[in-house]
């Protein structure tokens, strides 16, 4: 294998640039030509020109959020004829290996190309941290810390005004973000899609806190579990307490990646190149026991990572 390519697909995640950098510099170290495909599978489908990388192409990007290759959704890539055309474009360019940086949906596209003879490696990068088969995904740690910074600030004003703040975070189908940020931020309640909301119980705990002279509270809500404004209205109706709602939105995706995400991205990016050099495609990278390992790509497309019910149960104990 003389040429490989890298693309980023799906939702952006802090640390994607660090992963691109590691892929490029590791490939060049082993005297491989390396190319970037802009706008993910959508760019590959449209036949966008490949960007050949040099060592300087990825200078000064390790600290940047987003992705220098840009990203886009490509629903048409599910069609077999589109996949065949994409594989043909890669072969015509002499590219035998591809690193796909993204989540479970991106890995489905990677698996399709693998079936068509393109050696493909998936690198998990998603703020939702919902990919099965790995204990870590690039972008999750940064997102949790971004939310943590926000709720630390909100707690200051909640304390000053003696209010309840309801904070909506990302997570349409997964509560990993809300659970991690809520526990780290000492939230009094965490509402996630995996557990049926118990607003009666939440309101009861809030009133018990007031009886102990607790003057403020924070409730974290994953966007897919309930509407933050509806939760705020219900809490106010049941308790009579002054309630404010904050929706953090896409601010959670941006920002400079943490050291943990930069290290994970760098380790996985280098490991992806090593797999391609050994003609070992059809794999996704995985963090297990602190080590970078590999598992079949299908591991990352088989549903969602199991929600840690034990950790959620602990959050209820600590939130009192």
Protein backbone atom coordinates (compact mmCIF):
# COMPACT_ATOMS: atom_id res chain seq x y z
CA UNK A 1 0.00 0.00 0.00
CA UNK A 2 1.50 3.28 -1.17
CA UNK A 3 -1.38 5.72 -0.73
CA UNK A 4 -3.97 6.16 2.00
CA UNK A 5 -6.69 8.73 2.64
CA UNK A 6 -8.52 10.13 5.64
CA UNK A 7 -11.96 11.70 6.02
CA UNK A 8 -14.16 12.99 8.82
CA UNK A 9 -17.86 12.21 8.75
CA UNK A 10 -21.04 12.91 10.70
CA UNK A 11 -21.14 15.36 13.59
CA UNK A 12 -17.89 17.17 14.34
CA UNK A 13 -16.08 16.40 17.59
CA UNK A 14 -13.19 18.21 19.31
CA UNK A 15 -10.02 16.23 18.64
CA UNK A 16 -10.77 15.30 15.04
CA UNK A 17 -7.95 17.57 13.90
CA UNK A 18 -5.56 15.89 16.30
CA UNK A 19 -6.55 12.55 14.77
CA UNK A 20 -6.01 13.85 11.21
CA UNK A 21 -2.60 15.15 12.26
CA UNK A 22 -1.60 11.78 13.71
CA UNK A 23 -2.75 9.90 10.60
CA UNK A 24 -0.87 12.24 8.28
CA UNK A 25 2.39 12.39 10.19
CA UNK A 26 2.49 8.65 10.92
CA UNK A 27 1.81 7.87 7.26
CA UNK A 28 4.53 10.25 6.08
CA UNK A 29 6.96 8.78 8.62
CA UNK A 30 6.44 5.42 6.91
CA UNK A 31 6.85 7.03 3.47
CA UNK A 32 3.22 6.66 2.44
CA UNK A 33 1.37 9.27 0.42
CA UNK A 34 -1.62 10.54 2.37
CA UNK A 35 -4.65 12.44 1.13
CA UNK A 36 -7.56 14.19 2.79
CA UNK A 37 -11.11 13.85 1.45
CA UNK A 38 -13.12 16.98 2.17
CA UNK A 39 -16.72 16.84 3.43
CA UNK A 40 -16.68 13.17 4.28
CA UNK A 41 -18.63 10.63 2.23
CA UNK A 42 -20.52 13.47 0.56
CA UNK A 43 -17.23 14.76 -0.84
CA UNK A 44 -16.20 11.28 -1.89
CA UNK A 45 -19.55 10.81 -3.68
CA UNK A 46 -19.28 14.11 -5.55
CA UNK A 47 -15.76 13.33 -6.72
CA UNK A 48 -14.23 16.29 -4.94
CA UNK A 49 -10.53 16.69 -5.49
CA UNK A 50 -8.30 14.98 -2.96
CA UNK A 51 -5.99 17.15 -0.91
CA UNK A 52 -2.49 15.73 -0.73
CA UNK A 53 -1.00 16.33 2.69
CA UNK A 54 2.56 17.24 3.54
CA UNK A 55 4.00 17.37 7.03
CA UNK A 56 3.31 21.11 7.12
CA UNK A 57 -0.32 20.66 6.07
CA UNK A 58 -1.24 19.61 9.60
CA UNK A 59 0.98 22.04 11.49
CA UNK A 60 -0.80 24.09 14.14
CA UNK A 61 -4.08 22.15 14.15
CA UNK A 62 -3.80 19.88 17.21
CA UNK A 63 -5.42 22.51 19.44
CA UNK A 64 -8.26 23.40 17.07
CA UNK A 65 -11.82 22.14 17.38
CA UNK A 66 -13.93 21.11 14.41
CA UNK A 67 -12.20 19.51 11.43
CA UNK A 68 -10.01 21.03 8.73
CA UNK A 69 -11.49 18.49 6.29
CA UNK A 70 -15.04 19.68 7.07
CA UNK A 71 -17.87 17.21 7.48
CA UNK A 72 -21.28 16.60 5.97
CA UNK A 73 -24.14 14.15 6.07
CA UNK A 74 -24.40 11.81 3.07
CA UNK A 75 -27.69 9.88 3.22
CA UNK A 76 -27.26 8.85 -0.43
CA UNK A 77 -24.22 6.80 0.49
CA UNK A 78 -26.54 4.03 1.68
CA UNK A 79 -27.23 3.16 -1.97
CA UNK A 80 -25.04 0.37 -3.31
CA UNK A 81 -24.36 2.01 -6.66
CA UNK A 82 -23.07 5.11 -4.85
CA UNK A 83 -20.77 2.98 -2.70
CA UNK A 84 -19.44 1.19 -5.80
CA UNK A 85 -18.72 4.52 -7.49
CA UNK A 86 -16.94 5.80 -4.39
CA UNK A 87 -14.74 2.70 -4.19
CA UNK A 88 -13.94 3.08 -7.87
CA UNK A 89 -12.84 6.69 -7.38
CA UNK A 90 -10.48 5.64 -4.61
CA UNK A 91 -8.98 2.85 -6.73
CA UNK A 92 -8.55 5.18 -9.71
CA UNK A 93 -6.59 7.53 -7.42
CA UNK A 94 -4.41 4.61 -6.34
CA UNK A 95 -5.70 4.76 -2.77
CA UNK A 96 -5.81 1.36 -1.09
CA UNK A 97 -6.56 2.36 2.48
CA UNK A 98 -8.96 4.77 4.17
CA UNK A 99 -9.25 6.07 7.73
CA UNK A 100 -12.81 7.11 8.61
CA UNK A 101 -13.07 9.39 11.64
CA UNK A 102 -16.60 9.54 13.02
CA UNK A 103 -19.37 7.62 14.75
CA UNK A 104 -21.50 4.54 14.15
CA UNK A 105 -23.14 5.86 10.99
CA UNK A 106 -19.74 6.66 9.54
CA UNK A 107 -18.57 3.15 10.35
CA UNK A 108 -21.47 1.74 8.30
CA UNK A 109 -20.07 3.59 5.29
CA UNK A 110 -16.58 2.36 6.09
CA UNK A 111 -17.82 -1.24 6.28
CA UNK A 112 -19.45 -0.89 2.86
CA UNK A 113 -16.18 0.26 1.31
CA UNK A 114 -14.34 -2.59 3.01
CA UNK A 115 -16.70 -5.05 1.33
CA UNK A 116 -15.80 -3.45 -2.00
CA UNK A 117 -12.08 -4.03 -1.53
CA UNK A 118 -10.92 -0.78 0.11
CA UNK A 119 -8.99 -1.47 3.31
CA UNK A 120 -10.82 0.69 5.84
CA UNK A 121 -10.26 1.56 9.51
CA UNK A 122 -12.77 3.37 11.73
CA UNK A 123 -11.59 5.85 14.36
CA UNK A 124 -14.33 6.59 16.94
CA UNK A 125 -14.95 10.32 17.30
CA UNK A 126 -18.31 11.39 18.66
CA UNK A 127 -19.34 13.62 21.53
CA UNK A 128 -22.20 11.23 22.37
CA UNK A 129 -19.80 8.42 23.35
CA UNK A 130 -22.42 5.88 22.26
CA UNK A 131 -20.27 3.59 20.07
CA UNK A 132 -20.23 0.02 21.40
CA UNK A 133 -16.95 -1.82 21.75
CA UNK A 134 -14.81 1.03 23.05
CA UNK A 135 -14.37 2.73 26.42
CA UNK A 136 -13.45 6.03 24.82
CA UNK A 137 -14.34 8.20 21.83
CA UNK A 138 -12.56 11.33 20.66
CA UNK A 139 -14.50 14.48 21.61
CA UNK A 140 -16.46 13.22 24.61
CA UNK A 141 -14.08 14.47 27.29
CA UNK A 142 -13.93 17.96 25.79
CA UNK A 143 -17.70 18.20 25.52
CA UNK A 144 -18.21 17.15 29.13
CA UNK A 145 -15.66 19.71 30.30
CA UNK A 146 -17.32 22.44 28.20
CA UNK A 147 -20.64 21.69 29.87
CA UNK A 148 -18.99 21.48 33.27
CA UNK A 149 -17.56 24.97 32.83
CA UNK A 150 -21.02 26.27 31.90
CA UNK A 151 -22.85 24.68 34.83
CA UNK A 152 -20.17 25.87 37.26
CA UNK A 153 -20.97 29.41 36.12
CA UNK A 154 -24.70 28.80 36.27
CA UNK A 155 -24.41 27.47 39.80
CA UNK A 156 -22.86 30.79 40.84
CA UNK A 157 -25.88 32.75 39.68
CA UNK A 158 -28.28 30.06 40.90
CA UNK A 159 -26.77 30.47 44.35
CA UNK A 160 -26.91 34.26 44.21
CA UNK A 161 -30.59 34.33 43.22
CA UNK A 162 -31.68 31.18 45.05
CA UNK A 163 -33.09 29.59 41.92
CA UNK A 164 -33.40 26.24 40.20
CA UNK A 165 -31.61 26.05 36.84
CA UNK A 166 -32.64 23.47 34.22
CA UNK A 167 -29.83 22.95 31.70
CA UNK A 168 -30.39 21.12 28.40
CA UNK A 169 -27.40 19.33 26.90
CA UNK A 170 -26.95 17.28 23.74
CA UNK A 171 -27.95 13.65 23.53
CA UNK A 172 -30.96 12.82 21.36
CA UNK A 173 -30.74 9.08 21.97
CA UNK A 174 -27.92 8.83 24.48
CA UNK A 175 -27.53 10.12 28.03
CA UNK A 176 -23.78 9.70 28.41
CA UNK A 177 -23.08 13.43 28.13
CA UNK A 178 -25.76 14.41 30.65
CA UNK A 179 -24.73 11.70 33.11
CA UNK A 180 -21.01 12.50 33.03
CA UNK A 181 -21.44 16.28 33.19
CA UNK A 182 -24.19 16.04 35.78
CA UNK A 183 -22.18 13.85 38.10
CA UNK A 184 -19.03 15.91 37.69
CA UNK A 185 -20.99 19.12 38.26
CA UNK A 186 -22.94 17.88 41.27
CA UNK A 187 -26.34 18.24 39.61
CA UNK A 188 -29.32 17.56 41.84
CA UNK A 189 -31.11 15.67 39.05
CA UNK A 190 -30.13 14.14 35.70
CA UNK A 191 -32.73 13.27 33.05
CA UNK A 192 -31.61 10.89 30.27
CA UNK A 193 -33.37 9.01 27.42
CA UNK A 194 -32.44 5.61 28.89
CA UNK A 195 -34.41 6.15 32.13
CA UNK A 196 -38.05 7.22 32.35
CA UNK A 197 -38.18 10.69 33.93
CA UNK A 198 -39.51 10.79 37.49
CA UNK A 199 -40.49 14.43 37.89
CA UNK A 200 -42.47 13.65 41.03
CA UNK A 201 -39.37 12.19 42.64
CA UNK A 202 -37.20 15.07 41.44
CA UNK A 203 -39.57 17.67 42.86
CA UNK A 204 -39.77 15.78 46.13
CA UNK A 205 -35.97 15.78 46.44
CA UNK A 206 -35.84 19.50 45.63
CA UNK A 207 -38.35 20.24 48.39
CA UNK A 208 -36.42 18.05 50.82
CA UNK A 209 -33.33 20.09 49.97
CA UNK A 210 -35.17 23.32 50.72
CA UNK A 211 -36.21 21.88 54.06
CA UNK A 212 -32.48 21.44 54.75
CA UNK A 213 -32.00 25.13 53.81
CA UNK A 214 -30.58 24.35 50.38
CA UNK A 215 -31.09 27.52 48.32
CA UNK A 216 -30.32 26.41 44.74
CA UNK A 217 -30.35 23.35 42.47
CA UNK A 218 -29.28 22.26 38.99
CA UNK A 219 -31.17 19.82 36.77
CA UNK A 220 -29.42 18.44 33.66
CA UNK A 221 -31.64 17.26 30.81
CA UNK A 222 -30.47 15.35 27.73
CA UNK A 223 -32.29 16.83 24.73
CA UNK A 224 -33.78 13.46 23.72
CA UNK A 225 -35.20 12.72 27.16
CA UNK A 226 -37.48 15.73 27.65
CA UNK A 227 -37.80 19.36 26.71
CA UNK A 228 -35.94 21.56 29.19
CA UNK A 229 -38.65 24.24 29.11
CA UNK A 230 -41.36 21.66 29.79
CA UNK A 231 -39.31 20.31 32.70
CA UNK A 232 -38.79 23.82 34.06
CA UNK A 233 -42.51 24.62 33.87
CA UNK A 234 -43.45 21.37 35.58
CA UNK A 235 -40.91 21.86 38.38
CA UNK A 236 -42.17 25.40 38.96
CA UNK A 237 -45.79 24.22 38.96
CA UNK A 238 -45.16 21.42 41.43
CA UNK A 239 -42.81 23.28 43.78
CA UNK A 240 -43.58 26.96 43.33
CA UNK A 241 -39.82 27.57 43.15
CA UNK A 242 -38.31 30.14 40.80
CA UNK A 243 -36.90 28.24 37.80
CA UNK A 244 -34.71 29.27 34.86
CA UNK A 245 -33.87 27.28 31.71
CA UNK A 246 -30.62 27.31 29.72
CA UNK A 247 -30.13 25.41 26.44
CA UNK A 248 -26.41 25.08 25.72
CA UNK A 249 -26.84 24.02 22.07
CA UNK A 250 -23.94 23.68 19.66
CA UNK A 251 -21.47 25.42 21.95
CA UNK A 252 -20.92 21.89 23.28
CA UNK A 253 -19.34 20.74 20.01
CA UNK A 254 -16.74 23.47 19.63
CA UNK A 255 -13.64 24.56 21.43
CA UNK A 256 -10.07 23.43 21.88
CA UNK A 257 -9.87 19.70 22.71
CA UNK A 258 -8.69 18.68 26.16
CA UNK A 259 -5.37 16.94 26.71
CA UNK A 260 -7.22 13.63 27.12
CA UNK A 261 -8.91 13.97 23.71
CA UNK A 262 -5.70 15.07 22.00
CA UNK A 263 -3.82 12.07 23.39
CA UNK A 264 -6.57 9.61 22.49
CA UNK A 265 -6.86 11.04 18.97
CA UNK A 266 -3.10 10.92 18.47
CA UNK A 267 -2.80 7.32 19.66
CA UNK A 268 -5.73 6.16 17.57
CA UNK A 269 -4.60 8.04 14.47
CA UNK A 270 -1.19 6.40 14.58
CA UNK A 271 -2.74 2.99 15.25
CA UNK A 272 -5.03 3.38 12.23
CA UNK A 273 -2.04 3.82 9.93
CA UNK A 274 -0.30 0.80 11.40
CA UNK A 275 -3.37 -1.34 10.68
CA UNK A 276 -3.44 -0.18 7.06
CA UNK A 277 0.28 -0.79 6.67
CA UNK A 278 -0.31 -4.40 7.67
CA UNK A 279 -3.27 -4.67 5.22
CA UNK A 280 -5.63 -5.14 8.16
CA UNK A 281 -8.82 -3.34 7.22
CA UNK A 282 -12.39 -3.80 8.33
CA UNK A 283 -11.43 -2.74 11.86
CA UNK A 284 -12.44 -0.05 14.32
CA UNK A 285 -10.05 1.25 16.92
CA UNK A 286 -11.00 0.70 20.53
CA UNK A 287 -9.84 1.88 23.94
CA UNK A 288 -9.85 -1.04 26.36
CA UNK A 289 -8.15 -0.99 29.75
CA UNK A 290 -6.15 2.06 28.72
CA UNK A 291 -4.77 0.30 25.63
CA UNK A 292 -5.57 0.93 21.97
CA UNK A 293 -6.85 -2.27 20.38
CA UNK A 294 -8.88 -3.17 17.30
CA UNK A 295 -12.26 -4.81 16.80
CA UNK A 296 -14.32 -5.61 13.69
CA UNK A 297 -16.05 -2.57 12.21
CA UNK A 298 -19.39 -4.28 12.77
CA UNK A 299 -18.76 -3.97 16.52
CA UNK A 300 -19.23 -0.21 16.22
CA UNK A 301 -22.42 -0.46 14.17
CA UNK A 302 -24.25 -3.00 16.32
CA UNK A 303 -26.65 -0.75 18.19
CA UNK A 304 -25.53 1.60 20.93
CA UNK A 305 -23.14 1.36 23.81
CA UNK A 306 -24.84 0.05 26.94
CA UNK A 307 -25.88 2.81 29.31
CA UNK A 308 -24.19 2.49 32.74
CA UNK A 309 -27.21 1.98 34.98
CA UNK A 310 -24.93 1.49 38.01
CA UNK A 311 -23.40 4.93 37.48
CA UNK A 312 -26.83 6.46 37.09
CA UNK A 313 -27.92 4.82 40.35
CA UNK A 314 -24.85 6.32 42.04
CA UNK A 315 -25.79 9.76 40.70
CA UNK A 316 -29.12 9.52 42.54
CA UNK A 317 -27.34 8.74 45.80
CA UNK A 318 -24.84 11.57 45.45
CA UNK A 319 -27.44 14.14 44.34
CA UNK A 320 -29.24 14.26 47.71
